Amino acid sequence: MAQSVKLADDIMALVRREADLHSRSVAGQITHWLKIGRAIEHSGHFNYARITAALEGRLDTSQLREDEETAWLDAFTEKMAQPSEAEEAFFARRQALGRGGGLDTGGNLVYAGQDDPA
């Protein structure tokens, strides 16, 4: 049975570009990348469990091989770009109090009721 999945606009732009480039459908491109990612994670040359351990803080990143460190850095950067539930709650409380409640696209502090000027 087919399932719907929400993906960020920037990810979908990459998917569409690559799908067009390789004459695949969007679903075909996502499936292709999914299979590649799964194969890499399960290959003997790429230890995804070590990357996961580093992301969880159970393994010092200095112990990762170069290819593992690259994958860790990509995953870490992506994870850090997403606010946690605690961070979202913190900024929601600040907004409710009329204090700075986040940053606009230019990196400027935005207050409750203030629109992003960008």
C-alpha atoms as a PDB file:
ATOM      1  CA  MET A   1       0.000   0.000   0.000  1.00  0.00           C
ATOM      2  CA  ALA A   2       1.315   3.472  -0.887  1.00  0.00           C
ATOM      3  CA  GLN A   3       2.106   5.869   1.965  1.00  0.00           C
ATOM      4  CA  SER A   4       2.337   9.650   2.045  1.00  0.00           C
ATOM      5  CA  VAL A   5       5.424  11.272   3.552  1.00  0.00           C
ATOM      6  CA  LYS A   6       6.044  14.966   4.153  1.00  0.00           C
ATOM      7  CA  LEU A   7       9.455  16.172   2.983  1.00  0.00           C
ATOM      8  CA  ALA A   8      10.901  19.660   3.236  1.00  0.00           C
ATOM      9  CA  ASP A   9      10.734  21.844   0.120  1.00  0.00           C
ATOM     10  CA  ASP A  10      14.534  21.937  -0.223  1.00  0.00           C
ATOM     11  CA  ILE A  11      14.691  18.125  -0.166  1.00  0.00           C
ATOM     12  CA  MET A  12      11.926  17.871  -2.764  1.00  0.00           C
ATOM     13  CA  ALA A  13      13.778  20.346  -5.000  1.00  0.00           C
ATOM     14  CA  LEU A  14      16.846  18.081  -4.850  1.00  0.00           C
ATOM     15  CA  VAL A  15      14.718  15.005  -5.544  1.00  0.00           C
ATOM     16  CA  ARG A  16      13.023  16.621  -8.544  1.00  0.00           C
ATOM     17  CA  ARG A  17      16.337  17.840  -9.974  1.00  0.00           C
ATOM     18  CA  GLU A  18      17.966  14.419  -9.692  1.00  0.00           C
ATOM     19  CA  ALA A  19      14.831  12.645 -10.941  1.00  0.00           C
ATOM     20  CA  ASP A  20      14.815  14.832 -14.073  1.00  0.00           C
ATOM     21  CA  LEU A  21      18.549  14.379 -14.555  1.00  0.00           C
ATOM     22  CA  HIS A  22      18.288  10.574 -14.425  1.00  0.00           C
ATOM     23  CA  SER A  23      14.883  10.240 -16.136  1.00  0.00           C
ATOM     24  CA  ARG A  24      13.200   8.862 -13.035  1.00  0.00           C
ATOM     25  CA  SER A  25       9.906   9.668 -11.389  1.00  0.00           C
ATOM     26  CA  VAL A  26      10.023  11.479  -8.048  1.00  0.00           C
ATOM     27  CA  ALA A  27       8.997   8.251  -6.306  1.00  0.00           C
ATOM     28  CA  GLY A  28      11.617   6.365  -8.300  1.00  0.00           C
ATOM     29  CA  GLN A  29      14.341   8.805  -7.244  1.00  0.00           C
ATOM     30  CA  ILE A  30      13.388   8.607  -3.575  1.00  0.00           C
ATOM     31  CA  THR A  31      13.308   4.803  -3.781  1.00  0.00           C
ATOM     32  CA  HIS A  32      16.713   4.802  -5.498  1.00  0.00           C
ATOM     33  CA  TRP A  33      18.272   6.976  -2.778  1.00  0.00           C
ATOM     34  CA  LEU A  34      16.599   4.916  -0.058  1.00  0.00           C
ATOM     35  CA  LYS A  35      18.114   1.710  -1.451  1.00  0.00           C
ATOM     36  CA  ILE A  36      21.571   3.312  -1.750  1.00  0.00           C
ATOM     37  CA  GLY A  37      21.407   4.648   1.815  1.00  0.00           C
ATOM     38  CA  ARG A  38      20.298   1.302   3.173  1.00  0.00           C
ATOM     39  CA  ALA A  39      23.045  -0.515   1.278  1.00  0.00           C
ATOM     40  CA  ILE A  40      25.662   1.893   2.642  1.00  0.00           C
ATOM     41  CA  GLU A  41      24.386   1.506   6.194  1.00  0.00           C
ATOM     42  CA  HIS A  42      24.560  -2.283   5.905  1.00  0.00           C
ATOM     43  CA  SER A  43      27.826  -2.539   3.970  1.00  0.00           C
ATOM     44  CA  GLY A  44      30.956  -3.891   5.586  1.00  0.00           C
ATOM     45  CA  HIS A  45      32.850  -0.746   4.602  1.00  0.00           C
ATOM     46  CA  PHE A  46      30.613   1.732   6.378  1.00  0.00           C
ATOM     47  CA  ASN A  47      29.755   1.189  10.016  1.00  0.00           C
ATOM     48  CA  TYR A  48      26.502   3.067  10.586  1.00  0.00           C
ATOM     49  CA  ALA A  49      26.310   1.794  14.174  1.00  0.00           C
ATOM     50  CA  ARG A  50      29.517   3.737  14.940  1.00  0.00           C
ATOM     51  CA  ILE A  51      28.031   6.903  13.431  1.00  0.00           C
ATOM     52  CA  THR A  52      24.872   6.428  15.500  1.00  0.00           C
ATOM     53  CA  ALA A  53      27.015   5.908  18.611  1.00  0.00           C
ATOM     54  CA  ALA A  54      28.863   9.168  17.871  1.00  0.00           C
ATOM     55  CA  LEU A  55      25.571  11.018  17.363  1.00  0.00           C
ATOM     56  CA  GLU A  56      24.378   9.681  20.718  1.00  0.00           C
ATOM     57  CA  GLY A  57      27.657  10.695  22.404  1.00  0.00           C
ATOM     58  CA  ARG A  58      28.720   7.113  23.128  1.00  0.00           C
ATOM     59  CA  LEU A  59      31.733   7.286  20.791  1.00  0.00           C
ATOM     60  CA  ASP A  60      34.227  10.117  20.454  1.00  0.00           C
ATOM     61  CA  THR A  61      34.133  11.453  16.897  1.00  0.00           C
ATOM     62  CA  SER A  62      37.944  11.359  16.769  1.00  0.00           C
ATOM     63  CA  GLN A  63      37.579   7.559  16.615  1.00  0.00           C
ATOM     64  CA  LEU A  64      35.586   7.681  13.354  1.00  0.00           C
ATOM     65  CA  ARG A  65      37.190   6.918  10.000  1.00  0.00           C
ATOM     66  CA  GLU A  66      37.139   9.732   7.448  1.00  0.00           C
ATOM     67  CA  ASP A  67      34.083   8.378   5.588  1.00  0.00           C
ATOM     68  CA  GLU A  68      32.252   7.787   8.876  1.00  0.00           C
ATOM     69  CA  GLU A  69      33.131  11.289  10.090  1.00  0.00           C
ATOM     70  CA  THR A  70      31.718  12.803   6.889  1.00  0.00           C
ATOM     71  CA  ALA A  71      28.444  10.921   7.354  1.00  0.00           C
ATOM     72  CA  TRP A  72      28.362  11.850  11.064  1.00  0.00           C
ATOM     73  CA  LEU A  73      28.920  15.533  10.275  1.00  0.00           C
ATOM     74  CA  ASP A  74      26.105  15.525   7.695  1.00  0.00           C
ATOM     75  CA  ALA A  75      23.711  13.875  10.167  1.00  0.00           C
ATOM     76  CA  PHE A  76      24.831  16.123  13.034  1.00  0.00           C
ATOM     77  CA  THR A  77      24.392  19.290  10.967  1.00  0.00           C
ATOM     78  CA  GLU A  78      20.912  18.199   9.892  1.00  0.00           C
ATOM     79  CA  LYS A  79      19.925  17.303  13.459  1.00  0.00           C
ATOM     80  CA  MET A  80      21.203  20.609  14.871  1.00  0.00           C
ATOM     81  CA  ALA A  81      19.219  22.567  12.279  1.00  0.00           C
ATOM     82  CA  GLN A  82      15.960  21.214  13.743  1.00  0.00           C
ATOM     83  CA  PRO A  83      14.743  22.705  17.045  1.00  0.00           C
ATOM     84  CA  SER A  84      13.934  20.259  19.811  1.00  0.00           C
ATOM     85  CA  GLU A  85      10.530  20.198  21.500  1.00  0.00           C
ATOM     86  CA  ALA A  86      12.105  21.929  24.506  1.00  0.00           C
ATOM     87  CA  GLU A  87      13.506  24.704  22.287  1.00  0.00           C
ATOM     88  CA  GLU A  88      10.161  25.193  20.553  1.00  0.00           C
ATOM     89  CA  ALA A  89       8.408  25.388  23.937  1.00  0.00           C
ATOM     90  CA  PHE A  90      11.012  27.870  25.222  1.00  0.00           C
ATOM     91  CA  PHE A  91      10.508  30.221  22.281  1.00  0.00           C
ATOM     92  CA  ALA A  92       6.718  29.842  22.449  1.00  0.00           C
ATOM     93  CA  ARG A  93       6.844  30.980  26.116  1.00  0.00           C
ATOM     94  CA  ARG A  94       9.048  33.941  25.153  1.00  0.00           C
ATOM     95  CA  GLN A  95       6.647  34.921  22.384  1.00  0.00           C
ATOM     96  CA  ALA A  96       3.691  34.701  24.777  1.00  0.00           C
ATOM     97  CA  LEU A  97       5.542  37.102  27.100  1.00  0.00           C
ATOM     98  CA  GLY A  98       6.251  39.519  24.230  1.00  0.00           C
ATOM     99  CA  ARG A  99       9.965  38.806  24.280  1.00  0.00           C
ATOM    100  CA  GLY A 100      12.219  37.803  21.416  1.00  0.00           C
ATOM    101  CA  GLY A 101      10.783  34.601  20.090  1.00  0.00           C
ATOM    102  CA  GLY A 102      13.199  33.547  17.384  1.00  0.00           C
ATOM    103  CA  LEU A 103      15.212  34.738  14.439  1.00  0.00           C
ATOM    104  CA  ASP A 104      14.089  35.915  11.028  1.00  0.00           C
ATOM    105  CA  THR A 105      15.741  34.701   7.827  1.00  0.00           C
ATOM    106  CA  GLY A 106      18.331  37.465   8.197  1.00  0.00           C
ATOM    107  CA  GLY A 107      19.299  36.337  11.702  1.00  0.00           C
ATOM    108  CA  ASN A 108      17.574  39.239  13.477  1.00  0.00           C
ATOM    109  CA  LEU A 109      15.614  38.752  16.695  1.00  0.00           C
ATOM    110  CA  VAL A 110      11.851  38.643  16.091  1.00  0.00           C
ATOM    111  CA  TYR A 111       9.351  39.642  18.764  1.00  0.00           C
ATOM    112  CA  ALA A 112       5.788  38.408  19.291  1.00  0.00           C
ATOM    113  CA  GLY A 113       3.469  39.676  16.569  1.00  0.00           C
ATOM    114  CA  GLN A 114       6.340  40.894  14.412  1.00  0.00           C
ATOM    115  CA  ASP A 115       6.465  39.571  10.862  1.00  0.00           C
ATOM    116  CA  ASP A 116       9.652  38.369   9.197  1.00  0.00           C
ATOM    117  CA  PRO A 117      10.664  41.357   7.028  1.00  0.00           C
ATOM    118  CA  ALA A 118      12.608  39.146   4.620  1.00  0.00           C
END
